[in-house]
């Protein structure tokens, strides 16, 4: 099925990249996690939170307008072409402990940096609006080469984005991610229990000493 953005540009799913990366790294993963994408792992964590009444966080549905359908038989319909009705914002949102949570999931095979091309301008604008309303906006990044996960606050992204627009580098160095973001330790179930790390981010913002509290 062909899916296009509102401007007509062809949509290429991230899952194909993720599967390629996961296949090349499969020997380094535990059996229970083999073949899972970052989205799978976040969905697993969200199911865990909902079942235990810890948080309500869901993947956002994306409105799609179907423009071409074929009917190979009376009982079957095959969608051949569709368009996103509006530009996507972020992947996930919900409520936890009185806080509005809004974030996107990104993955990179790079060992040295996180490319800013993985983020769209309208996503940055959306996260800015969330932050202005005292919501908690960030991205979860997986560096697949290391199997390391980080919560990168909007403020870190915004600083790098502004530097890029001023003609500086178009990525965030891995060293900066380690220093300024919040690493999510991996476990068994859920593999990435990210709520305690969000609490670190919230505490740091409230107390005004983010650099000390992040670790």
Protein backbone atom coordinates (compact mmCIF):
# COMPACT_ATOMS: atom_id res chain seq x y z
CA UNK A 1 0.00 0.00 0.00
CA UNK A 2 1.23 3.49 -0.86
CA UNK A 3 0.84 6.18 1.82
CA UNK A 4 1.70 9.82 1.21
CA UNK A 5 2.09 12.92 3.38
CA UNK A 6 -0.37 15.83 2.93
CA UNK A 7 2.11 17.47 0.52
CA UNK A 8 2.14 14.34 -1.66
CA UNK A 9 5.60 13.13 -0.62
CA UNK A 10 5.87 9.36 -0.37
CA UNK A 11 5.90 8.01 3.20
CA UNK A 12 8.65 5.50 3.98
CA UNK A 13 8.04 3.57 7.21
CA UNK A 14 10.85 3.51 9.76
CA UNK A 15 10.21 -0.13 10.51
CA UNK A 16 12.19 -1.34 7.50
CA UNK A 17 15.28 0.45 8.80
CA UNK A 18 14.73 -0.86 12.26
CA UNK A 19 14.36 -4.45 11.09
CA UNK A 20 17.57 -4.23 9.11
CA UNK A 21 19.43 -2.88 12.12
CA UNK A 22 17.93 -5.46 14.42
CA UNK A 23 18.87 -8.29 12.10
CA UNK A 24 22.49 -7.18 11.94
CA UNK A 25 22.63 -6.93 15.74
CA UNK A 26 20.54 -9.98 16.60
CA UNK A 27 23.44 -11.90 18.09
CA UNK A 28 23.86 -9.21 20.74
CA UNK A 29 20.25 -9.30 21.96
CA UNK A 30 18.59 -11.53 24.49
CA UNK A 31 16.15 -14.08 23.13
CA UNK A 32 13.18 -12.30 24.68
CA UNK A 33 14.00 -9.03 22.92
CA UNK A 34 15.10 -10.42 19.56
CA UNK A 35 13.37 -8.76 16.62
CA UNK A 36 11.56 -6.10 18.64
CA UNK A 37 11.53 -2.53 17.42
CA UNK A 38 11.72 0.47 19.73
CA UNK A 39 8.01 0.96 19.16
CA UNK A 40 7.35 -2.61 20.31
CA UNK A 41 9.34 -2.02 23.48
CA UNK A 42 7.52 1.24 24.28
CA UNK A 43 4.15 -0.38 23.62
CA UNK A 44 5.12 -3.22 25.95
CA UNK A 45 6.00 -0.72 28.69
CA UNK A 46 2.76 1.20 28.15
CA UNK A 47 0.71 -2.01 28.44
CA UNK A 48 2.55 -2.78 31.66
CA UNK A 49 1.77 0.69 33.06
CA UNK A 50 -1.91 0.54 32.11
CA UNK A 51 -2.44 -2.94 33.57
CA UNK A 52 -0.91 -1.82 36.87
CA UNK A 53 -2.70 1.56 36.85
CA UNK A 54 0.58 3.43 36.85
CA UNK A 55 -0.01 5.62 33.78
CA UNK A 56 -2.22 5.99 30.73
CA UNK A 57 0.00 6.48 27.69
CA UNK A 58 -0.98 5.45 24.17
CA UNK A 59 0.38 5.62 20.68
CA UNK A 60 -1.50 8.31 18.80
CA UNK A 61 -3.70 7.21 15.90
CA UNK A 62 -2.77 8.88 12.63
CA UNK A 63 -5.70 10.08 10.45
CA UNK A 64 -5.38 8.59 6.97
CA UNK A 65 -7.46 9.41 3.90
CA UNK A 66 -7.89 6.45 1.55
CA UNK A 67 -7.86 7.43 -2.12
CA UNK A 68 -7.47 4.14 -3.98
CA UNK A 69 -9.08 0.80 -3.17
CA UNK A 70 -9.23 -2.38 -5.21
CA UNK A 71 -11.71 -5.21 -4.75
CA UNK A 72 -10.14 -8.50 -5.87
CA UNK A 73 -13.23 -10.28 -4.57
CA UNK A 74 -16.61 -9.40 -3.12
CA UNK A 75 -15.49 -10.15 0.41
CA UNK A 76 -12.11 -8.42 0.27
CA UNK A 77 -10.89 -4.87 -0.20
CA UNK A 78 -7.24 -3.91 -0.74
CA UNK A 79 -6.07 -0.35 -0.03
CA UNK A 80 -3.57 0.68 -2.70
CA UNK A 81 -2.99 4.36 -1.92
CA UNK A 82 -3.66 6.68 1.01
CA UNK A 83 -2.59 10.07 2.36
CA UNK A 84 -1.97 11.32 5.89
CA UNK A 85 -4.65 13.97 6.44
CA UNK A 86 -2.41 16.14 8.61
CA UNK A 87 1.32 16.18 9.44
CA UNK A 88 2.11 13.92 12.37
CA UNK A 89 3.06 15.48 15.69
CA UNK A 90 4.62 12.93 18.05
CA UNK A 91 4.10 9.20 18.52
CA UNK A 92 2.83 8.98 22.10
CA UNK A 93 0.92 10.98 24.68
CA UNK A 94 -0.89 10.44 27.93
CA UNK A 95 -1.09 11.21 31.63
CA UNK A 96 1.12 10.07 34.49
CA UNK A 97 0.97 11.21 38.11
CA UNK A 98 -0.77 14.45 37.12
CA UNK A 99 1.69 15.23 34.31
CA UNK A 100 0.87 15.43 30.61
CA UNK A 101 3.44 13.30 28.76
CA UNK A 102 4.15 13.76 25.04
CA UNK A 103 7.03 12.13 23.17
CA UNK A 104 8.33 10.59 19.99
CA UNK A 105 10.36 7.41 19.45
CA UNK A 106 13.52 7.55 17.35
CA UNK A 107 16.20 5.03 16.53
CA UNK A 108 19.62 5.41 14.94
CA UNK A 109 22.37 3.03 13.89
CA UNK A 110 24.98 5.80 14.24
CA UNK A 111 27.68 5.29 16.85
CA UNK A 112 28.68 8.94 17.02
CA UNK A 113 25.57 11.13 16.93
CA UNK A 114 21.81 11.48 16.62
CA UNK A 115 20.88 13.03 13.23
CA UNK A 116 18.43 15.91 13.54
CA UNK A 117 16.96 14.97 10.17
CA UNK A 118 15.03 12.31 12.12
CA UNK A 119 12.93 15.11 13.60
CA UNK A 120 10.54 17.31 11.61
CA UNK A 121 9.98 21.00 12.14
CA UNK A 122 6.29 20.54 12.94
CA UNK A 123 7.27 18.03 15.65
CA UNK A 124 9.59 20.59 17.21
CA UNK A 125 6.80 23.16 17.09
CA UNK A 126 4.42 20.72 18.73
CA UNK A 127 6.85 19.88 21.55
CA UNK A 128 7.43 23.59 22.12
CA UNK A 129 3.69 24.14 22.54
CA UNK A 130 3.48 21.21 24.95
CA UNK A 131 6.35 22.63 26.99
CA UNK A 132 4.74 26.09 27.09
CA UNK A 133 1.67 24.47 28.68
CA UNK A 134 3.87 22.82 31.35
CA UNK A 135 3.65 19.42 29.70
CA UNK A 136 6.63 17.06 29.56
CA UNK A 137 7.95 16.78 25.99
CA UNK A 138 10.89 14.67 24.88
CA UNK A 139 12.03 11.91 22.55
CA UNK A 140 13.17 8.41 23.40
CA UNK A 141 16.21 7.50 21.33
CA UNK A 142 17.70 4.08 20.91
CA UNK A 143 21.30 3.83 19.73
CA UNK A 144 20.99 0.36 18.23
CA UNK A 145 24.76 -0.11 17.88
CA UNK A 146 25.08 0.01 21.67
CA UNK A 147 21.56 -1.04 22.70
CA UNK A 148 21.37 2.10 24.83
CA UNK A 149 18.24 4.13 25.39
CA UNK A 150 17.93 7.81 26.31
CA UNK A 151 15.21 10.30 27.12
CA UNK A 152 16.24 13.51 25.36
CA UNK A 153 14.31 16.52 26.75
CA UNK A 154 12.82 19.07 24.39
CA UNK A 155 15.20 21.70 25.77
CA UNK A 156 18.22 19.69 24.59
CA UNK A 157 16.65 19.19 21.18
CA UNK A 158 15.72 22.86 20.90
CA UNK A 159 19.28 23.97 21.63
CA UNK A 160 20.67 21.64 18.96
CA UNK A 161 17.92 22.64 16.50
CA UNK A 162 18.70 26.34 16.91
CA UNK A 163 22.41 25.64 16.41
CA UNK A 164 21.60 23.76 13.20
CA UNK A 165 19.49 26.65 11.90
CA UNK A 166 22.42 28.97 12.62
CA UNK A 167 24.61 26.91 10.31
CA UNK A 168 26.20 24.55 12.83
CA UNK A 169 26.19 20.76 12.89
CA UNK A 170 23.07 18.82 11.93
CA UNK A 171 23.28 16.23 14.66
CA UNK A 172 23.66 15.85 18.41
CA UNK A 173 26.96 14.18 19.35
CA UNK A 174 26.61 10.94 21.29
CA UNK A 175 28.79 12.46 24.00
CA UNK A 176 26.25 15.28 24.41
CA UNK A 177 23.43 12.77 24.64
CA UNK A 178 25.28 10.92 27.41
CA UNK A 179 25.95 14.17 29.26
CA UNK A 180 22.66 16.04 28.86
CA UNK A 181 20.02 13.34 28.31
CA UNK A 182 18.71 10.69 30.71
CA UNK A 183 19.66 7.08 30.12
CA UNK A 184 16.99 4.40 30.53
CA UNK A 185 18.42 1.20 32.03
CA UNK A 186 17.18 -1.98 30.39
CA UNK A 187 15.48 -4.77 32.30
CA UNK A 188 13.46 -7.90 31.69
CA UNK A 189 9.81 -6.76 31.76
CA UNK A 190 9.24 -4.16 30.67
CA UNK A 191 12.56 -3.92 28.90
CA UNK A 192 12.54 -0.13 29.09
CA UNK A 193 10.85 1.11 32.26
CA UNK A 194 10.95 4.79 31.37
CA UNK A 195 8.61 6.33 33.96
CA UNK A 196 11.23 6.56 36.74
CA UNK A 197 13.52 8.37 34.29
CA UNK A 198 10.76 10.86 33.45
CA UNK A 199 10.52 11.52 37.18
CA UNK A 200 14.21 12.43 37.19
CA UNK A 201 13.56 14.86 34.34
CA UNK A 202 10.60 16.44 36.16
CA UNK A 203 12.51 16.70 39.43
CA UNK A 204 15.45 18.35 37.69
CA UNK A 205 13.19 20.93 36.04
CA UNK A 206 11.42 21.72 39.29
CA UNK A 207 14.57 22.01 41.33
CA UNK A 208 16.67 23.77 38.70
CA UNK A 209 19.69 21.52 38.74
CA UNK A 210 19.15 19.29 35.75
CA UNK A 211 22.80 18.47 35.11
CA UNK A 212 23.31 17.03 38.62
CA UNK A 213 20.09 15.06 38.84
CA UNK A 214 20.06 13.39 35.42
CA UNK A 215 22.16 10.42 36.53
